[in-house]
N, C-alpha and C. Protein backbone atom coordinates (compact mmCIF):
# COMPACT_ATOMS: atom_id res chain seq x y z
N UNK A 1 48.10 -104.62 18.08
CA UNK A 1 47.50 -103.24 18.45
C UNK A 1 47.51 -102.29 17.58
N UNK A 2 46.30 -101.54 17.62
CA UNK A 2 46.27 -100.52 16.66
C UNK A 2 46.80 -99.37 17.08
N UNK A 3 47.26 -98.39 16.16
CA UNK A 3 47.91 -97.12 16.47
C UNK A 3 47.31 -95.95 15.99
N UNK A 4 47.39 -94.85 16.73
CA UNK A 4 46.64 -93.73 15.78
C UNK A 4 47.28 -93.24 14.42
N UNK A 5 46.38 -92.70 13.82
CA UNK A 5 47.01 -92.33 12.49
C UNK A 5 47.03 -90.53 12.37
N UNK A 6 48.21 -90.24 12.12
CA UNK A 6 48.47 -88.59 12.31
C UNK A 6 48.15 -88.02 10.83
N UNK A 7 47.39 -87.33 10.90
CA UNK A 7 46.91 -86.53 9.69
C UNK A 7 47.26 -85.14 9.67
N UNK A 8 48.03 -84.32 8.61
CA UNK A 8 48.16 -82.87 8.47
C UNK A 8 47.33 -82.35 7.39
N UNK A 9 47.01 -80.97 7.90
CA UNK A 9 45.96 -80.39 6.84
C UNK A 9 46.44 -79.11 6.93
N UNK A 10 45.97 -78.07 5.94
CA UNK A 10 46.45 -76.86 5.91
C UNK A 10 45.37 -75.90 5.46
N UNK A 11 45.41 -74.67 6.15
CA UNK A 11 44.39 -73.49 5.82
C UNK A 11 45.01 -72.88 4.66
N UNK A 12 44.32 -72.78 3.54
CA UNK A 12 44.94 -71.73 2.67
C UNK A 12 43.63 -70.50 2.28
N UNK A 13 44.05 -69.65 2.60
CA UNK A 13 42.92 -68.50 2.83
C UNK A 13 43.09 -67.45 1.13
N UNK A 14 42.05 -67.55 0.64
CA UNK A 14 41.96 -66.58 -0.62
C UNK A 14 40.71 -65.70 -0.64
N UNK A 15 40.90 -64.41 -0.64
CA UNK A 15 39.71 -63.57 -0.29
C UNK A 15 38.82 -63.98 0.66
N UNK A 16 39.29 -64.02 1.81
CA UNK A 16 38.56 -64.26 3.02
C UNK A 16 37.77 -65.48 3.07
N UNK A 17 38.01 -66.37 2.11
CA UNK A 17 37.70 -67.81 1.87
C UNK A 17 38.59 -69.01 1.97
N UNK A 18 38.38 -70.07 2.36
CA UNK A 18 39.29 -71.17 3.06
C UNK A 18 39.06 -72.39 1.63
N UNK A 19 40.36 -72.87 1.24
CA UNK A 19 40.15 -73.99 0.05
C UNK A 19 39.90 -75.49 0.94
N UNK A 20 38.48 -75.82 0.29
CA UNK A 20 38.54 -77.31 0.76
C UNK A 20 38.68 -78.32 -0.18
N UNK A 21 38.59 -79.60 0.01
CA UNK A 21 38.63 -80.21 -0.91
C UNK A 21 37.28 -81.43 -0.68
N UNK A 22 36.47 -81.71 -1.81
CA UNK A 22 35.12 -82.14 -1.61
C UNK A 22 35.17 -83.72 -2.15
N UNK A 23 34.78 -84.37 -1.01
CA UNK A 23 35.05 -86.07 -1.02
C UNK A 23 33.28 -86.36 -1.10
N UNK A 24 33.52 -87.62 -1.68
CA UNK A 24 32.17 -88.53 -1.61
C UNK A 24 32.64 -89.77 -1.11
N UNK A 25 31.75 -90.43 -0.11
CA UNK A 25 32.11 -91.76 0.23
C UNK A 25 30.78 -92.24 0.62
N UNK A 26 30.45 -93.40 0.35
CA UNK A 26 29.11 -94.21 0.63
C UNK A 26 28.01 -93.03 0.62
N UNK A 27 28.08 -92.58 -0.64
CA UNK A 27 26.84 -91.64 -0.94
C UNK A 27 26.68 -90.46 -0.26
N UNK A 28 27.72 -90.17 0.60
CA UNK A 28 27.93 -88.85 1.61
C UNK A 28 28.88 -88.18 0.91
N UNK A 29 28.31 -86.70 0.82
CA UNK A 29 29.45 -85.80 0.25
C UNK A 29 29.67 -84.83 1.53
N UNK A 30 31.01 -84.57 1.46
CA UNK A 30 31.42 -83.77 2.79
C UNK A 30 32.83 -83.26 2.18
N UNK A 31 33.21 -82.01 3.03
CA UNK A 31 34.57 -81.51 2.85
C UNK A 31 35.77 -81.66 3.81
N UNK A 32 36.92 -81.61 3.39
CA UNK A 32 38.27 -81.48 4.24
C UNK A 32 39.01 -80.45 3.87
N UNK A 33 39.72 -80.14 4.65
CA UNK A 33 40.96 -79.32 4.27
C UNK A 33 42.07 -80.10 3.51
N UNK A 34 42.68 -79.39 2.68
CA UNK A 34 43.72 -80.44 2.07
C UNK A 34 44.43 -80.78 2.93
N UNK A 35 45.03 -82.09 2.60
CA UNK A 35 45.98 -82.89 3.47
C UNK A 35 45.90 -84.35 3.60
N UNK A 36 46.44 -85.09 4.31
CA UNK A 36 46.32 -86.64 4.50
C UNK A 36 47.28 -87.16 5.52
N UNK A 37 47.66 -88.33 5.43
CA UNK A 37 48.33 -88.97 6.34
C UNK A 37 49.73 -88.61 6.14
N UNK A 38 50.58 -88.66 7.36
CA UNK A 38 52.06 -88.70 7.43
C UNK A 38 52.74 -90.17 7.31
N UNK A 39 53.51 -90.15 6.41
CA UNK A 39 54.23 -91.25 6.17
C UNK A 39 55.27 -91.55 7.27
N UNK A 40 55.71 -92.87 7.67
CA UNK A 40 56.77 -93.04 8.43
C UNK A 40 58.06 -92.27 7.95
N UNK A 41 58.71 -91.42 8.83
CA UNK A 41 60.01 -91.04 8.43
C UNK A 41 59.77 -89.39 7.79
N UNK A 42 58.59 -89.26 7.44
CA UNK A 42 58.06 -88.07 7.00
C UNK A 42 57.78 -86.73 7.64
N UNK A 43 58.36 -85.74 7.71
CA UNK A 43 57.97 -84.52 8.47
C UNK A 43 56.60 -83.97 8.46
N UNK A 44 56.06 -83.35 9.01
CA UNK A 44 54.61 -82.55 9.02
C UNK A 44 54.71 -81.69 7.92
N UNK A 45 55.74 -80.91 7.70
CA UNK A 45 55.92 -80.02 6.66
C UNK A 45 56.04 -81.00 5.25
N UNK A 46 56.74 -81.91 5.15
CA UNK A 46 56.80 -82.65 3.96
C UNK A 46 55.68 -83.22 3.41
N UNK A 47 54.97 -83.76 4.61
CA UNK A 47 53.62 -84.63 4.28
C UNK A 47 52.69 -83.71 3.69
N UNK A 48 52.52 -82.36 4.31
CA UNK A 48 51.40 -81.38 3.99
C UNK A 48 52.01 -80.78 2.58
N UNK A 49 53.07 -80.60 1.92
CA UNK A 49 53.38 -80.18 0.83
C UNK A 49 53.09 -81.24 -0.20
N UNK A 50 53.42 -82.40 0.17
CA UNK A 50 53.12 -83.55 -0.80
C UNK A 50 51.51 -83.79 -0.91
N UNK A 51 51.01 -83.60 0.34
CA UNK A 51 49.41 -83.78 -0.01
C UNK A 51 48.75 -82.75 -0.90
N UNK A 52 49.07 -81.50 -0.46
CA UNK A 52 48.50 -80.59 -1.50
C UNK A 52 49.05 -80.51 -3.05
N UNK A 53 49.92 -81.05 -3.44
CA UNK A 53 50.29 -81.35 -4.70
C UNK A 53 49.41 -82.40 -5.18
N UNK A 54 49.28 -83.47 -4.47
CA UNK A 54 48.34 -84.70 -4.92
C UNK A 54 47.03 -84.61 -4.84
N UNK A 55 46.61 -83.80 -3.89
CA UNK A 55 45.13 -83.39 -3.93
C UNK A 55 44.65 -82.35 -4.53
N UNK A 56 45.25 -81.10 -4.75
CA UNK A 56 44.89 -79.85 -5.60
C UNK A 56 45.94 -79.15 -6.73
N UNK A 57 47.32 -79.79 -6.61
CA UNK A 57 48.36 -79.63 -7.52
C UNK A 57 48.72 -78.14 -7.30
N UNK A 58 49.02 -77.87 -5.86
CA UNK A 58 49.29 -76.53 -5.55
C UNK A 58 50.63 -76.74 -4.60
N UNK A 59 51.37 -75.95 -4.88
CA UNK A 59 52.78 -75.83 -4.17
C UNK A 59 52.57 -74.81 -3.05
N UNK A 60 52.65 -75.28 -1.82
CA UNK A 60 52.61 -74.09 -0.54
C UNK A 60 53.93 -74.18 0.22
N UNK A 61 53.82 -73.15 1.16
CA UNK A 61 54.81 -72.76 2.28
C UNK A 61 54.08 -73.14 3.30
N UNK A 62 54.49 -73.96 4.20
CA UNK A 62 53.83 -74.26 5.55
C UNK A 62 54.25 -73.35 6.31
N UNK A 63 53.22 -72.56 7.22
CA UNK A 63 53.58 -71.69 8.27
C UNK A 63 53.24 -72.28 9.76
N UNK A 64 52.51 -71.64 10.51
CA UNK A 64 52.26 -72.17 11.66
C UNK A 64 51.28 -73.20 12.04
N UNK A 65 51.42 -73.85 12.89
CA UNK A 65 50.42 -74.93 13.58
C UNK A 65 49.53 -74.04 14.47
N UNK A 66 48.22 -74.30 14.12
CA UNK A 66 47.23 -73.71 14.63
C UNK A 66 46.26 -74.39 15.59
N UNK A 67 46.07 -75.69 14.95
CA UNK A 67 44.99 -76.63 15.60
C UNK A 67 45.71 -78.09 15.63
N UNK A 68 45.36 -78.71 17.04
CA UNK A 68 45.49 -79.91 17.33
C UNK A 68 44.21 -80.54 17.82
N UNK A 69 43.78 -81.54 17.21
CA UNK A 69 42.79 -82.31 17.40
C UNK A 69 42.62 -83.80 17.32
N UNK A 70 41.79 -84.37 18.16
CA UNK A 70 41.76 -86.00 17.82
C UNK A 70 40.31 -86.22 17.53
N UNK A 71 40.46 -87.34 16.79
CA UNK A 71 39.05 -87.93 16.55
C UNK A 71 38.96 -89.43 16.83
N UNK A 72 38.49 -89.89 18.04
CA UNK A 72 38.68 -91.19 18.62
C UNK A 72 37.23 -91.91 18.53
N UNK A 73 37.31 -92.92 17.45
CA UNK A 73 36.01 -93.73 17.24
C UNK A 73 35.45 -94.18 18.51
N UNK A 74 34.40 -94.02 18.88
CA UNK A 74 33.65 -94.69 20.05
C UNK A 74 33.71 -96.37 20.10
N UNK A 75 33.70 -96.97 18.91
CA UNK A 75 33.76 -98.27 18.74
C UNK A 75 35.23 -98.89 18.53
N UNK A 76 36.18 -97.87 18.78
CA UNK A 76 37.74 -98.28 18.74
C UNK A 76 38.25 -98.57 17.73
N UNK A 77 37.76 -98.24 16.46
CA UNK A 77 38.22 -98.88 15.23
C UNK A 77 39.31 -97.86 14.44
N UNK A 78 39.07 -96.44 14.95
CA UNK A 78 39.83 -95.57 14.40
C UNK A 78 40.42 -94.34 15.55
N UNK A 79 41.56 -93.69 15.44
CA UNK A 79 42.08 -92.88 16.13
C UNK A 79 42.93 -91.84 15.30
N UNK A 80 42.41 -90.75 15.24
CA UNK A 80 42.94 -89.73 14.23
C UNK A 80 43.58 -88.67 14.86
N UNK A 81 44.80 -88.32 14.87
CA UNK A 81 45.31 -87.13 15.30
C UNK A 81 45.71 -86.08 14.06
N UNK A 82 45.09 -84.84 14.35
CA UNK A 82 44.90 -84.11 13.22
C UNK A 82 45.81 -82.69 13.59
N UNK A 83 46.79 -82.37 12.87
CA UNK A 83 47.78 -81.11 13.02
C UNK A 83 47.15 -80.27 11.86
N UNK A 84 46.81 -79.08 12.15
CA UNK A 84 46.24 -78.05 10.97
C UNK A 84 47.14 -76.88 11.15
N UNK A 85 47.85 -76.47 9.82
CA UNK A 85 48.68 -75.63 9.81
C UNK A 85 48.41 -74.35 9.04
N UNK A 86 48.34 -73.22 9.07
CA UNK A 86 48.16 -72.12 8.02
C UNK A 86 49.17 -72.23 6.72
N UNK A 87 48.81 -72.05 5.67
CA UNK A 87 49.70 -72.25 4.54
C UNK A 87 49.70 -70.95 3.73
N UNK A 88 50.64 -70.62 2.86
CA UNK A 88 50.79 -69.94 1.82
C UNK A 88 50.97 -70.47 0.69
N UNK A 89 49.97 -70.01 -0.73
CA UNK A 89 50.37 -70.29 -1.70
C UNK A 89 51.51 -70.14 -2.37
N UNK A 90 52.22 -70.64 -3.14
CA UNK A 90 53.57 -70.63 -3.62
C UNK A 90 53.16 -70.18 -5.40
N UNK A 91 52.76 -71.54 -5.85
CA UNK A 91 52.26 -71.54 -7.39
C UNK A 91 51.46 -72.73 -7.59
N UNK A 92 50.92 -72.83 -8.90
CA UNK A 92 50.07 -74.05 -9.22
C UNK A 92 48.85 -73.60 -9.78
N UNK A 93 48.16 -74.32 -10.55
CA UNK A 93 46.83 -74.18 -10.86
C UNK A 93 45.92 -75.33 -10.30
N UNK A 94 44.87 -75.06 -9.56
CA UNK A 94 43.91 -76.00 -9.04
C UNK A 94 43.59 -77.30 -9.92
N UNK A 95 43.86 -78.36 -9.57
CA UNK A 95 43.44 -79.54 -10.44
C UNK A 95 43.26 -80.74 -9.49
N UNK A 96 42.22 -81.31 -9.60
CA UNK A 96 42.01 -82.61 -8.77
C UNK A 96 42.30 -83.72 -9.20
N UNK A 97 42.85 -84.66 -8.55
CA UNK A 97 43.07 -86.05 -9.10
C UNK A 97 42.05 -86.67 -9.62
N UNK A 98 42.42 -87.84 -10.32
CA UNK A 98 41.37 -88.79 -10.54
C UNK A 98 41.22 -89.75 -9.61
N UNK A 99 40.55 -89.48 -8.38
CA UNK A 99 40.32 -90.50 -7.41
C UNK A 99 38.81 -90.44 -7.50
N UNK A 100 38.36 -91.84 -7.21
CA UNK A 100 36.86 -91.67 -7.10
C UNK A 100 36.35 -90.89 -5.89
N UNK A 101 36.99 -90.75 -4.97
CA UNK A 101 36.48 -90.14 -3.53
C UNK A 101 36.71 -88.80 -3.69
N UNK A 102 37.40 -88.07 -4.48
CA UNK A 102 37.76 -86.55 -4.74
C UNK A 102 36.57 -86.31 -5.84
N UNK A 103 35.73 -85.21 -5.35
CA UNK A 103 34.89 -84.82 -6.47
C UNK A 103 34.89 -83.30 -7.08
N UNK A 104 36.01 -82.55 -6.03
CA UNK A 104 35.84 -81.24 -6.24
C UNK A 104 36.83 -80.56 -5.33
N UNK A 105 37.12 -79.44 -5.58
CA UNK A 105 37.85 -78.39 -4.96
C UNK A 105 37.03 -76.97 -4.57
N UNK A 106 37.03 -76.26 -3.74
CA UNK A 106 36.23 -75.24 -3.56
C UNK A 106 36.90 -74.23 -2.52
N UNK A 107 36.70 -72.90 -2.70
CA UNK A 107 37.14 -71.95 -1.43
C UNK A 107 35.70 -71.46 -0.94
N UNK A 108 35.58 -71.85 0.35
CA UNK A 108 34.40 -71.65 1.04
C UNK A 108 34.69 -70.54 2.05
N UNK A 109 33.26 -69.79 2.12
CA UNK A 109 33.30 -68.49 3.04
C UNK A 109 32.35 -69.10 4.18
N UNK A 110 32.48 -68.17 5.50
CA UNK A 110 31.95 -68.64 6.50
C UNK A 110 30.26 -69.11 6.38
N UNK A 111 29.42 -68.62 5.38
CA UNK A 111 28.34 -69.19 5.20
C UNK A 111 28.26 -70.27 4.50
N UNK A 112 29.06 -70.45 3.62
CA UNK A 112 29.18 -71.99 2.92
C UNK A 112 29.77 -72.96 3.83
N UNK A 113 30.49 -72.64 5.02
CA UNK A 113 31.02 -73.71 5.96
C UNK A 113 29.84 -74.25 6.79
N UNK A 114 29.32 -73.22 7.07
CA UNK A 114 27.84 -73.32 8.09
C UNK A 114 27.05 -74.25 7.29
N UNK A 115 26.80 -74.38 5.84
CA UNK A 115 25.95 -75.03 5.37
C UNK A 115 26.19 -76.29 4.74
N UNK A 116 27.70 -76.67 4.97
CA UNK A 116 28.07 -77.91 4.57
C UNK A 116 28.80 -78.89 5.63
N UNK A 117 29.01 -79.97 5.46
CA UNK A 117 29.56 -81.04 6.27
C UNK A 117 31.12 -81.01 6.17
N UNK A 118 31.72 -80.83 7.23
CA UNK A 118 32.97 -80.53 7.17
C UNK A 118 33.60 -81.29 8.25
N UNK A 119 34.62 -82.21 7.84
CA UNK A 119 35.28 -83.17 8.91
C UNK A 119 36.83 -82.75 8.89
N UNK A 120 37.51 -82.93 10.06
CA UNK A 120 36.87 -82.63 11.30
C UNK A 120 35.87 -81.67 11.50
N UNK A 121 34.90 -81.30 12.49
CA UNK A 121 33.98 -80.32 12.53
C UNK A 121 34.56 -79.07 13.20
N UNK A 122 35.55 -78.30 12.69
CA UNK A 122 36.19 -77.27 13.01
C UNK A 122 35.78 -76.09 12.44
N UNK A 123 34.51 -76.10 11.95
CA UNK A 123 33.99 -74.93 11.23
C UNK A 123 33.96 -73.54 12.34
N UNK A 124 33.59 -73.85 13.53
CA UNK A 124 33.75 -72.54 14.50
C UNK A 124 35.02 -72.06 14.52
N UNK A 125 35.80 -72.84 14.70
CA UNK A 125 37.49 -72.40 14.68
C UNK A 125 37.83 -71.54 13.43
N UNK A 126 37.48 -72.25 12.25
CA UNK A 126 37.68 -71.61 11.19
C UNK A 126 37.09 -70.18 10.71
N UNK A 127 35.75 -70.25 11.07
CA UNK A 127 35.06 -68.98 10.79
C UNK A 127 35.63 -67.94 11.88
N UNK A 128 35.91 -67.98 13.03
CA UNK A 128 36.43 -67.25 14.03
C UNK A 128 37.88 -66.66 13.42
N UNK A 129 38.53 -67.49 12.73
CA UNK A 129 39.77 -67.13 12.32
C UNK A 129 40.95 -66.70 13.19
N UNK A 130 40.82 -67.48 14.44
CA UNK A 130 41.98 -67.13 15.31
C UNK A 130 43.03 -67.99 15.24
N UNK A 131 43.98 -67.69 14.43
CA UNK A 131 45.16 -68.54 14.07
C UNK A 131 46.40 -67.96 14.63
N UNK A 132 46.19 -66.97 15.75
CA UNK A 132 47.42 -66.73 16.45
C UNK A 132 48.28 -67.66 17.37
N UNK A 133 47.66 -68.28 17.79
CA UNK A 133 48.30 -69.47 18.40
C UNK A 133 47.81 -70.91 18.19
N UNK A 134 48.50 -71.79 18.72
CA UNK A 134 48.21 -73.26 18.85
C UNK A 134 47.00 -73.41 19.78
N UNK A 135 45.92 -74.20 19.24
CA UNK A 135 44.80 -74.51 20.18
C UNK A 135 44.28 -76.01 20.10
N UNK A 136 44.44 -76.51 21.04
CA UNK A 136 43.98 -78.03 21.09
C UNK A 136 42.50 -78.11 21.44
N UNK A 137 41.73 -78.75 20.58
CA UNK A 137 40.44 -78.93 20.41
C UNK A 137 40.05 -80.07 21.12
N UNK A 138 40.72 -80.90 21.54
CA UNK A 138 40.08 -82.22 22.17
C UNK A 138 39.69 -83.11 20.97
N UNK A 139 39.04 -84.23 21.50
CA UNK A 139 38.19 -84.99 20.88
C UNK A 139 37.22 -84.70 20.07
N UNK A 140 36.93 -84.36 18.80
CA UNK A 140 36.01 -83.93 18.22
C UNK A 140 35.29 -85.00 17.05
N UNK A 141 35.61 -86.32 17.50
CA UNK A 141 34.93 -87.15 16.52
C UNK A 141 33.38 -87.21 16.20
N UNK A 142 32.95 -87.37 15.00
CA UNK A 142 31.61 -87.18 14.68
C UNK A 142 31.32 -88.32 13.90
């Protein structure tokens, strides 16, 4: 039996823009908030700090949980639970890893978010910037 994958991600804001990691897979380019899978026995906070270091070389402080969403593949092949947190920058210079799928890292404002493919598609929520409480966004598979 397959089990859901838990993914954590962080919203790092600088000058009213949000940090994204640019990916390329199967000739498709898209953006994700920095983050990744939670390993067995790892807290959300520890996983998110690790993923920020692995993906963008930045040390962060994890703040509040702001979004919870699910991505349930209609084909039944994937089920991803995403936990999105606000984070604060502590230190580090952005440096992307030598991974084939990660091709860049950028701060995007509302207009750039609208123009680009972002997974999961939480553009509206990010642009509105309503991070004052936890919001359950439901199944947002695309």
